[in-house]
């Protein structure tokens, strides 16, 4: 079986865990038994209160007692799939973890 590497160190990835959680994080290190990530955020379904449309929000992965910017190993045995995060998710992640607002790909008009 050929295993194709689809992400690298420093990429923002989405990880589906065997318990059903989906996290988004920056890859710090990759090895045979685990993927080490930094600044993990939990992706949760939400509903826009104005429009009623479903959406996704990023919430703290650790509620209490853990350093949110430390490196955390995730055993590969607990991972269902890892993919490089799409551009919109990666921009939202960077904005939420750094406070920087990434420029959009829209019309360029300020609204």
N, C-alpha and C. Protein backbone atom coordinates (compact mmCIF):
# COMPACT_ATOMS: atom_id res chain seq x y z
N UNK A 1 0.84 -1.18 0.00
CA UNK A 1 0.00 0.00 0.00
C UNK A 1 0.88 1.24 0.00
N UNK A 2 0.56 2.18 -0.85
CA UNK A 2 1.30 3.43 -0.96
C UNK A 2 0.66 4.47 -0.07
N UNK A 3 1.44 5.05 0.82
CA UNK A 3 0.94 6.12 1.69
C UNK A 3 1.48 7.43 1.16
N UNK A 4 0.58 8.31 0.78
CA UNK A 4 0.95 9.59 0.21
C UNK A 4 0.94 10.66 1.30
N UNK A 5 2.03 11.37 1.43
CA UNK A 5 2.12 12.44 2.44
C UNK A 5 1.45 13.69 1.89
N UNK A 6 0.44 14.16 2.60
CA UNK A 6 -0.33 15.30 2.11
C UNK A 6 -0.11 16.57 2.92
N UNK A 7 0.73 16.49 3.96
CA UNK A 7 0.98 17.67 4.78
C UNK A 7 2.41 17.61 5.29
N UNK A 8 2.91 18.75 5.72
CA UNK A 8 4.29 18.87 6.20
C UNK A 8 4.31 19.59 7.54
N UNK A 9 5.49 19.61 8.15
CA UNK A 9 5.70 20.37 9.38
C UNK A 9 5.42 21.84 9.06
N UNK A 10 4.78 22.53 9.95
CA UNK A 10 4.33 23.93 9.90
C UNK A 10 3.00 24.11 9.15
N UNK A 11 2.47 23.06 8.52
CA UNK A 11 1.15 23.17 7.88
C UNK A 11 0.06 23.20 8.94
N UNK A 12 -1.05 23.84 8.62
CA UNK A 12 -2.24 23.80 9.45
C UNK A 12 -3.06 22.62 8.94
N UNK A 13 -3.41 21.70 9.85
CA UNK A 13 -4.11 20.48 9.46
C UNK A 13 -5.41 20.31 10.23
N UNK A 14 -6.32 19.57 9.63
CA UNK A 14 -7.54 19.15 10.31
C UNK A 14 -7.36 17.66 10.62
N UNK A 15 -7.64 17.29 11.87
CA UNK A 15 -7.44 15.91 12.32
C UNK A 15 -8.75 15.39 12.86
N UNK A 16 -9.21 14.27 12.32
CA UNK A 16 -10.41 13.60 12.84
C UNK A 16 -9.93 12.50 13.77
N UNK A 17 -10.33 12.59 15.05
CA UNK A 17 -9.91 11.62 16.06
C UNK A 17 -10.91 10.47 16.16
N UNK A 18 -10.46 9.36 16.70
CA UNK A 18 -11.31 8.18 16.80
C UNK A 18 -12.49 8.39 17.75
N UNK A 19 -12.43 9.37 18.65
CA UNK A 19 -13.57 9.65 19.54
C UNK A 19 -14.61 10.55 18.88
N UNK A 20 -14.37 10.97 17.62
CA UNK A 20 -15.32 11.81 16.90
C UNK A 20 -14.96 13.28 16.86
N UNK A 21 -14.04 13.70 17.72
CA UNK A 21 -13.63 15.11 17.72
C UNK A 21 -12.86 15.43 16.45
N UNK A 22 -12.99 16.67 16.01
CA UNK A 22 -12.18 17.16 14.90
C UNK A 22 -11.44 18.39 15.40
N UNK A 23 -10.12 18.37 15.24
CA UNK A 23 -9.32 19.50 15.68
C UNK A 23 -8.59 20.10 14.49
N UNK A 24 -8.20 21.34 14.67
CA UNK A 24 -7.37 22.02 13.70
C UNK A 24 -6.15 22.51 14.48
N UNK A 25 -4.97 22.32 13.91
CA UNK A 25 -3.74 22.67 14.63
C UNK A 25 -2.60 22.83 13.64
N UNK A 26 -1.51 23.38 14.13
CA UNK A 26 -0.29 23.51 13.34
C UNK A 26 0.61 22.33 13.65
N UNK A 27 1.17 21.69 12.63
CA UNK A 27 2.04 20.54 12.82
C UNK A 27 3.42 21.01 13.26
N UNK A 28 3.89 20.48 14.39
CA UNK A 28 5.22 20.81 14.91
C UNK A 28 6.24 19.73 14.54
N UNK A 29 5.78 18.48 14.50
CA UNK A 29 6.68 17.36 14.22
C UNK A 29 5.85 16.16 13.77
N UNK A 30 6.45 15.33 12.93
CA UNK A 30 5.81 14.11 12.46
C UNK A 30 6.78 12.97 12.67
N UNK A 31 6.31 11.87 13.27
CA UNK A 31 7.14 10.68 13.36
C UNK A 31 6.28 9.43 13.17
N UNK A 32 6.87 8.27 13.29
CA UNK A 32 6.18 7.00 13.01
C UNK A 32 4.96 6.77 13.89
N UNK A 33 5.03 7.14 15.15
CA UNK A 33 3.97 6.79 16.09
C UNK A 33 3.02 7.93 16.44
N UNK A 34 3.43 9.16 16.15
CA UNK A 34 2.57 10.29 16.55
C UNK A 34 2.79 11.51 15.67
N UNK A 35 1.83 12.39 15.75
CA UNK A 35 1.93 13.71 15.14
C UNK A 35 1.90 14.70 16.29
N UNK A 36 2.89 15.56 16.35
CA UNK A 36 2.96 16.55 17.42
C UNK A 36 2.44 17.87 16.87
N UNK A 37 1.43 18.42 17.55
CA UNK A 37 0.78 19.65 17.09
C UNK A 37 0.93 20.74 18.14
N UNK A 38 0.76 21.97 17.70
CA UNK A 38 0.77 23.11 18.60
C UNK A 38 -0.51 23.92 18.38
N UNK A 39 -0.96 24.58 19.43
CA UNK A 39 -2.15 25.42 19.42
C UNK A 39 -3.39 24.70 18.86
N UNK A 40 -3.72 23.52 19.39
CA UNK A 40 -4.90 22.83 18.86
C UNK A 40 -6.20 23.53 19.25
N UNK A 41 -7.13 23.55 18.31
CA UNK A 41 -8.46 24.08 18.54
C UNK A 41 -9.48 23.02 18.13
N UNK A 42 -10.56 22.93 18.88
CA UNK A 42 -11.63 21.99 18.59
C UNK A 42 -12.59 22.65 17.61
N UNK A 43 -12.97 21.93 16.58
CA UNK A 43 -13.94 22.46 15.62
C UNK A 43 -15.31 21.94 16.01
N UNK A 44 -16.25 22.87 16.22
CA UNK A 44 -17.60 22.50 16.67
C UNK A 44 -18.64 23.10 15.73
N UNK A 45 -19.73 22.35 15.54
CA UNK A 45 -20.83 22.86 14.73
C UNK A 45 -21.57 23.94 15.49
N UNK A 46 -22.02 24.94 14.77
CA UNK A 46 -22.76 26.04 15.38
C UNK A 46 -23.81 26.52 14.40
N UNK A 47 -24.60 27.45 14.85
CA UNK A 47 -25.62 28.03 14.00
C UNK A 47 -25.53 29.55 14.10
N UNK A 48 -25.52 30.21 12.97
CA UNK A 48 -25.47 31.67 12.95
C UNK A 48 -26.80 32.18 13.49
N UNK A 49 -26.77 32.96 14.59
CA UNK A 49 -28.03 33.42 15.19
C UNK A 49 -28.83 34.37 14.30
N UNK A 50 -28.15 35.05 13.39
CA UNK A 50 -28.85 35.99 12.50
C UNK A 50 -29.54 35.30 11.34
N UNK A 51 -28.84 34.32 10.73
CA UNK A 51 -29.38 33.69 9.51
C UNK A 51 -29.93 32.30 9.75
N UNK A 52 -29.52 31.68 10.86
CA UNK A 52 -29.94 30.31 11.12
C UNK A 52 -29.15 29.27 10.34
N UNK A 53 -28.18 29.73 9.58
CA UNK A 53 -27.37 28.82 8.77
C UNK A 53 -26.36 28.08 9.64
N UNK A 54 -26.14 26.79 9.36
CA UNK A 54 -25.13 26.04 10.12
C UNK A 54 -23.73 26.50 9.74
N UNK A 55 -22.81 26.32 10.66
CA UNK A 55 -21.43 26.70 10.41
C UNK A 55 -20.50 25.97 11.37
N UNK A 56 -19.25 26.33 11.32
CA UNK A 56 -18.23 25.72 12.18
C UNK A 56 -17.53 26.82 12.95
N UNK A 57 -17.33 26.61 14.24
CA UNK A 57 -16.56 27.53 15.07
C UNK A 57 -15.36 26.79 15.65
N UNK A 58 -14.35 27.53 16.02
CA UNK A 58 -13.18 26.96 16.67
C UNK A 58 -13.24 27.31 18.15
N UNK A 59 -13.10 26.30 18.97
CA UNK A 59 -13.16 26.48 20.42
C UNK A 59 -11.87 25.95 21.03
N UNK A 60 -11.53 26.38 22.23
CA UNK A 60 -10.32 25.86 22.88
C UNK A 60 -10.39 24.33 23.00
N UNK A 61 -9.30 23.67 22.67
CA UNK A 61 -9.22 22.21 22.81
C UNK A 61 -9.11 21.83 24.28
N UNK A 62 -8.39 22.67 25.04
CA UNK A 62 -8.23 22.46 26.47
C UNK A 62 -9.09 23.48 27.19
N UNK A 63 -9.98 23.03 28.03
CA UNK A 63 -10.80 23.97 28.78
C UNK A 63 -10.04 24.56 29.97
N UNK A 64 -9.27 23.73 30.66
CA UNK A 64 -8.57 24.21 31.85
C UNK A 64 -7.26 23.44 32.02
N UNK A 65 -6.32 24.09 32.62
CA UNK A 65 -5.14 23.41 33.11
C UNK A 65 -4.05 23.07 32.12
N UNK A 66 -4.18 23.44 30.86
CA UNK A 66 -3.14 23.11 29.89
C UNK A 66 -2.70 24.39 29.18
N UNK A 67 -1.45 24.42 28.80
CA UNK A 67 -0.91 25.56 28.06
C UNK A 67 -1.43 25.49 26.63
N UNK A 68 -2.21 26.47 26.19
CA UNK A 68 -2.81 26.39 24.85
C UNK A 68 -1.81 26.52 23.70
N UNK A 69 -0.58 26.95 23.99
CA UNK A 69 0.40 27.10 22.91
C UNK A 69 1.53 26.08 22.98
N UNK A 70 1.44 25.11 23.87
CA UNK A 70 2.46 24.08 23.97
C UNK A 70 2.30 23.06 22.85
N UNK A 71 3.31 22.20 22.70
CA UNK A 71 3.24 21.10 21.73
C UNK A 71 2.58 19.89 22.38
N UNK A 72 1.69 19.23 21.64
CA UNK A 72 0.98 18.07 22.16
C UNK A 72 1.08 16.91 21.17
N UNK A 73 1.50 15.73 21.66
CA UNK A 73 1.56 14.57 20.78
C UNK A 73 0.19 13.91 20.66
N UNK A 74 -0.16 13.50 19.46
CA UNK A 74 -1.38 12.74 19.23
C UNK A 74 -0.95 11.41 18.63
N UNK A 75 -1.23 10.32 19.34
CA UNK A 75 -0.87 9.00 18.85
C UNK A 75 -1.61 8.69 17.56
N UNK A 76 -0.92 8.15 16.59
CA UNK A 76 -1.55 7.82 15.31
C UNK A 76 -2.67 6.80 15.48
N UNK A 77 -2.62 6.00 16.54
CA UNK A 77 -3.67 5.01 16.78
C UNK A 77 -5.00 5.67 17.14
N UNK A 78 -4.99 6.96 17.51
CA UNK A 78 -6.20 7.70 17.85
C UNK A 78 -6.69 8.59 16.71
N UNK A 79 -6.00 8.52 15.58
CA UNK A 79 -6.32 9.38 14.44
C UNK A 79 -7.00 8.55 13.35
N UNK A 80 -8.13 9.06 12.85
CA UNK A 80 -8.78 8.43 11.72
C UNK A 80 -8.20 8.96 10.42
N UNK A 81 -8.10 10.30 10.34
CA UNK A 81 -7.55 10.91 9.12
C UNK A 81 -6.96 12.28 9.46
N UNK A 82 -5.92 12.65 8.71
CA UNK A 82 -5.30 13.98 8.81
C UNK A 82 -5.24 14.55 7.41
N UNK A 83 -5.72 15.77 7.25
CA UNK A 83 -5.64 16.45 5.95
C UNK A 83 -5.16 17.88 6.17
N UNK A 84 -4.51 18.40 5.17
CA UNK A 84 -4.13 19.80 5.20
C UNK A 84 -5.43 20.61 5.20
N UNK A 85 -5.54 21.57 6.10
CA UNK A 85 -6.76 22.37 6.21
C UNK A 85 -6.97 23.20 4.95
N UNK A 86 -8.24 23.37 4.57
CA UNK A 86 -8.51 24.20 3.39
C UNK A 86 -8.14 25.65 3.69
N UNK A 87 -8.07 26.44 2.66
CA UNK A 87 -7.57 27.82 2.79
C UNK A 87 -8.40 28.65 3.76
N UNK A 88 -9.71 28.55 3.69
CA UNK A 88 -10.57 29.34 4.59
C UNK A 88 -10.37 28.94 6.05
N UNK A 89 -10.32 27.62 6.31
CA UNK A 89 -10.12 27.13 7.67
C UNK A 89 -8.75 27.55 8.19
N UNK A 90 -7.73 27.46 7.36
CA UNK A 90 -6.38 27.84 7.77
C UNK A 90 -6.31 29.33 8.10
N UNK A 91 -6.97 30.17 7.31
CA UNK A 91 -6.97 31.62 7.57
C UNK A 91 -7.68 31.91 8.90
N UNK A 92 -8.81 31.25 9.14
CA UNK A 92 -9.53 31.45 10.40
C UNK A 92 -8.69 30.99 11.58
N UNK A 93 -8.00 29.86 11.42
CA UNK A 93 -7.15 29.33 12.48
C UNK A 93 -6.03 30.33 12.81
N UNK A 94 -5.34 30.82 11.79
CA UNK A 94 -4.24 31.77 12.00
C UNK A 94 -4.77 33.03 12.67
N UNK A 95 -5.91 33.51 12.22
CA UNK A 95 -6.50 34.71 12.81
C UNK A 95 -6.83 34.49 14.29
N UNK A 96 -7.40 33.33 14.60
CA UNK A 96 -7.80 33.07 15.99
C UNK A 96 -6.61 32.81 16.91
N UNK A 97 -5.56 32.19 16.40
CA UNK A 97 -4.43 31.85 17.27
C UNK A 97 -3.38 32.96 17.37
N UNK A 98 -3.38 33.89 16.41
CA UNK A 98 -2.36 34.94 16.44
C UNK A 98 -2.95 36.34 16.60
N UNK A 99 -4.24 36.49 16.29
CA UNK A 99 -4.84 37.81 16.31
C UNK A 99 -4.66 38.57 15.00
N UNK A 100 -3.91 37.98 14.06
CA UNK A 100 -3.71 38.61 12.76
C UNK A 100 -4.91 38.34 11.87
N UNK A 101 -5.33 39.32 11.13
CA UNK A 101 -6.42 39.14 10.18
C UNK A 101 -5.81 38.94 8.80
N UNK A 102 -6.08 37.78 8.21
CA UNK A 102 -5.53 37.46 6.91
C UNK A 102 -6.40 38.10 5.83
N UNK A 103 -5.79 38.66 4.78
CA UNK A 103 -6.59 39.26 3.72
C UNK A 103 -7.42 38.20 3.01
N UNK A 104 -8.61 38.58 2.62
CA UNK A 104 -9.50 37.66 1.93
C UNK A 104 -9.22 37.62 0.43
N UNK A 105 -9.97 36.77 -0.24
CA UNK A 105 -9.83 36.67 -1.68
C UNK A 105 -11.03 37.28 -2.39
N UNK A 106 -11.77 38.10 -1.66
CA UNK A 106 -13.00 38.70 -2.20
C UNK A 106 -12.69 39.85 -3.13
N UNK A 107 -13.63 40.78 -3.24
CA UNK A 107 -13.54 41.88 -4.19
C UNK A 107 -12.55 42.96 -3.75
N UNK A 108 -12.12 42.93 -2.51
CA UNK A 108 -11.19 43.92 -2.03
C UNK A 108 -11.87 45.14 -1.46
N UNK A 109 -13.19 45.18 -1.48
CA UNK A 109 -13.93 46.32 -0.94
C UNK A 109 -14.10 46.17 0.55
N UNK A 110 -14.00 47.25 1.26
CA UNK A 110 -14.22 47.25 2.70
C UNK A 110 -15.69 47.49 2.93
N UNK A 111 -16.31 46.61 3.73
CA UNK A 111 -17.73 46.77 4.02
C UNK A 111 -17.96 47.00 5.47
